[in-house]
Amino acid sequence: MSTGLDGLAAQDGWQVEGSAARVHYSGATDRYSIEYYAPSECVLYWKVPPEAAGETAVPVGRATVPAPLRERIREDLATAGIDPEIEGQNL
């Protein structure tokens, strides 16, 4: 039986661990880690500092995430058979 996690695992860059999936994206100056949690059907965005900074990634609100990245995540979810509307769900 295929699940949304199976669909994400089949996509470029996504890694599945247990009941969660993660993907990393880098823009011109920003890096993000995006996590999808199947049990709660939610998406979390983490801002990742530059490697040389030695800092820890921090969770960020959707309003601070570039719109093209959010759209890409919704597309990935839809391709995996997951309702893309959950991307905007508040915790």
C-alpha atoms as a PDB file:
ATOM      1  CA  MET A   1       0.000   0.000   0.000  1.00  0.00           C
ATOM      2  CA  SER A   2       1.459   3.334  -1.064  1.00  0.00           C
ATOM      3  CA  THR A   3       1.398   6.318   1.281  1.00  0.00           C
ATOM      4  CA  GLY A   4       2.154   9.994   0.873  1.00  0.00           C
ATOM      5  CA  LEU A   5       5.540   9.314   2.431  1.00  0.00           C
ATOM      6  CA  ASP A   6       6.268   6.775  -0.300  1.00  0.00           C
ATOM      7  CA  GLY A   7       5.397   9.449  -2.846  1.00  0.00           C
ATOM      8  CA  LEU A   8       7.738  11.963  -1.246  1.00  0.00           C
ATOM      9  CA  ALA A   9      10.538   9.389  -0.990  1.00  0.00           C
ATOM     10  CA  ALA A  10      10.302   8.879  -4.755  1.00  0.00           C
ATOM     11  CA  GLN A  11      10.930  12.585  -5.401  1.00  0.00           C
ATOM     12  CA  ASP A  12      14.328  14.185  -5.839  1.00  0.00           C
ATOM     13  CA  GLY A  13      15.877  15.311  -2.558  1.00  0.00           C
ATOM     14  CA  TRP A  14      13.243  14.001  -0.154  1.00  0.00           C
ATOM     15  CA  GLN A  15      14.356  11.601   2.574  1.00  0.00           C
ATOM     16  CA  VAL A  16      11.919   9.642   4.710  1.00  0.00           C
ATOM     17  CA  GLU A  17      12.601   8.591   8.294  1.00  0.00           C
ATOM     18  CA  GLY A  18       9.795   6.829  10.117  1.00  0.00           C
ATOM     19  CA  SER A  19       6.643   8.905   9.794  1.00  0.00           C
ATOM     20  CA  ALA A  20       8.356  12.075   8.573  1.00  0.00           C
ATOM     21  CA  ALA A  21      10.035  13.335   5.414  1.00  0.00           C
ATOM     22  CA  ARG A  22      12.625  16.075   4.906  1.00  0.00           C
ATOM     23  CA  VAL A  23      14.048  18.012   1.990  1.00  0.00           C
ATOM     24  CA  HIS A  24      16.676  20.773   1.814  1.00  0.00           C
ATOM     25  CA  TYR A  25      16.566  23.778  -0.501  1.00  0.00           C
ATOM     26  CA  SER A  26      19.143  26.480  -1.115  1.00  0.00           C
ATOM     27  CA  GLY A  27      18.384  29.839  -2.696  1.00  0.00           C
ATOM     28  CA  ALA A  28      20.663  32.701  -3.609  1.00  0.00           C
ATOM     29  CA  THR A  29      21.434  33.495   0.037  1.00  0.00           C
ATOM     30  CA  ASP A  30      19.071  31.375   2.118  1.00  0.00           C
ATOM     31  CA  ARG A  31      18.970  27.698   3.024  1.00  0.00           C
ATOM     32  CA  TYR A  32      15.923  25.856   4.320  1.00  0.00           C
ATOM     33  CA  SER A  33      15.060  22.435   5.658  1.00  0.00           C
ATOM     34  CA  ILE A  34      11.421  21.497   5.157  1.00  0.00           C
ATOM     35  CA  GLU A  35       9.809  18.698   7.135  1.00  0.00           C
ATOM     36  CA  TYR A  36       6.493  16.932   6.581  1.00  0.00           C
ATOM     37  CA  TYR A  37       5.006  14.967   9.479  1.00  0.00           C
ATOM     38  CA  ALA A  38       2.470  12.352   8.377  1.00  0.00           C
ATOM     39  CA  PRO A  39       0.711  11.717  11.733  1.00  0.00           C
ATOM     40  CA  SER A  40      -0.198  15.386  12.191  1.00  0.00           C
ATOM     41  CA  GLU A  41      -0.250  16.237   8.476  1.00  0.00           C
ATOM     42  CA  CYS A  42       1.817  19.371   8.913  1.00  0.00           C
ATOM     43  CA  VAL A  43       4.771  21.053   7.254  1.00  0.00           C
ATOM     44  CA  LEU A  44       7.512  22.869   9.190  1.00  0.00           C
ATOM     45  CA  TYR A  45      10.100  25.225   7.719  1.00  0.00           C
ATOM     46  CA  TRP A  46      13.549  25.612   9.253  1.00  0.00           C
ATOM     47  CA  LYS A  47      16.014  28.332   8.271  1.00  0.00           C
ATOM     48  CA  VAL A  48      19.492  26.835   8.057  1.00  0.00           C
ATOM     49  CA  PRO A  49      22.453  29.140   8.715  1.00  0.00           C
ATOM     50  CA  PRO A  50      25.516  29.161   6.465  1.00  0.00           C
ATOM     51  CA  GLU A  51      27.791  26.194   7.159  1.00  0.00           C
ATOM     52  CA  ALA A  52      30.609  28.429   8.358  1.00  0.00           C
ATOM     53  CA  ALA A  53      28.380  30.166  10.909  1.00  0.00           C
ATOM     54  CA  GLY A  54      28.287  27.184  13.255  1.00  0.00           C
ATOM     55  CA  GLU A  55      24.747  28.063  14.318  1.00  0.00           C
ATOM     56  CA  THR A  56      21.678  25.870  14.687  1.00  0.00           C
ATOM     57  CA  ALA A  57      18.703  25.798  12.325  1.00  0.00           C
ATOM     58  CA  VAL A  58      15.636  27.586  13.668  1.00  0.00           C
ATOM     59  CA  PRO A  59      11.952  27.145  12.835  1.00  0.00           C
ATOM     60  CA  VAL A  60      10.461  30.022  10.853  1.00  0.00           C
ATOM     61  CA  GLY A  61       6.945  31.171  10.065  1.00  0.00           C
ATOM     62  CA  ARG A  62       5.519  30.608   6.614  1.00  0.00           C
ATOM     63  CA  ALA A  63       5.243  34.359   6.041  1.00  0.00           C
ATOM     64  CA  THR A  64       9.053  34.563   6.012  1.00  0.00           C
ATOM     65  CA  VAL A  65       9.510  31.734   3.484  1.00  0.00           C
ATOM     66  CA  PRO A  66       9.804  32.793  -0.181  1.00  0.00           C
ATOM     67  CA  ALA A  67       6.566  32.182  -2.109  1.00  0.00           C
ATOM     68  CA  PRO A  68       8.292  30.135  -4.858  1.00  0.00           C
ATOM     69  CA  LEU A  69       9.628  27.703  -2.238  1.00  0.00           C
ATOM     70  CA  ARG A  70       6.219  27.331  -0.623  1.00  0.00           C
ATOM     71  CA  GLU A  71       4.684  26.668  -4.035  1.00  0.00           C
ATOM     72  CA  ARG A  72       7.343  24.048  -4.757  1.00  0.00           C
ATOM     73  CA  ILE A  73       6.524  22.274  -1.496  1.00  0.00           C
ATOM     74  CA  ARG A  74       2.799  22.307  -2.345  1.00  0.00           C
ATOM     75  CA  GLU A  75       3.624  20.814  -5.757  1.00  0.00           C
ATOM     76  CA  ASP A  76       5.767  18.104  -4.148  1.00  0.00           C
ATOM     77  CA  LEU A  77       2.959  17.253  -1.724  1.00  0.00           C
ATOM     78  CA  ALA A  78       0.385  17.065  -4.521  1.00  0.00           C
ATOM     79  CA  THR A  79       2.652  14.844  -6.626  1.00  0.00           C
ATOM     80  CA  ALA A  80       3.028  12.539  -3.609  1.00  0.00           C
ATOM     81  CA  GLY A  81      -0.750  12.276  -3.223  1.00  0.00           C
ATOM     82  CA  ILE A  82      -0.881  14.527  -0.145  1.00  0.00           C
ATOM     83  CA  ASP A  83      -3.370  17.381   0.056  1.00  0.00           C
ATOM     84  CA  PRO A  84      -1.235  20.449  -0.771  1.00  0.00           C
ATOM     85  CA  GLU A  85      -3.470  22.664   1.381  1.00  0.00           C
ATOM     86  CA  ILE A  86      -1.861  21.248   4.520  1.00  0.00           C
ATOM     87  CA  GLU A  87       1.255  23.259   3.662  1.00  0.00           C
ATOM     88  CA  GLY A  88      -0.559  26.349   4.949  1.00  0.00           C
ATOM     89  CA  GLN A  89      -1.932  24.722   8.088  1.00  0.00           C
ATOM     90  CA  ASN A  90      -0.987  26.508  11.301  1.00  0.00           C
ATOM     91  CA  LEU A  91       0.275  24.462  14.198  1.00  0.00           C
END
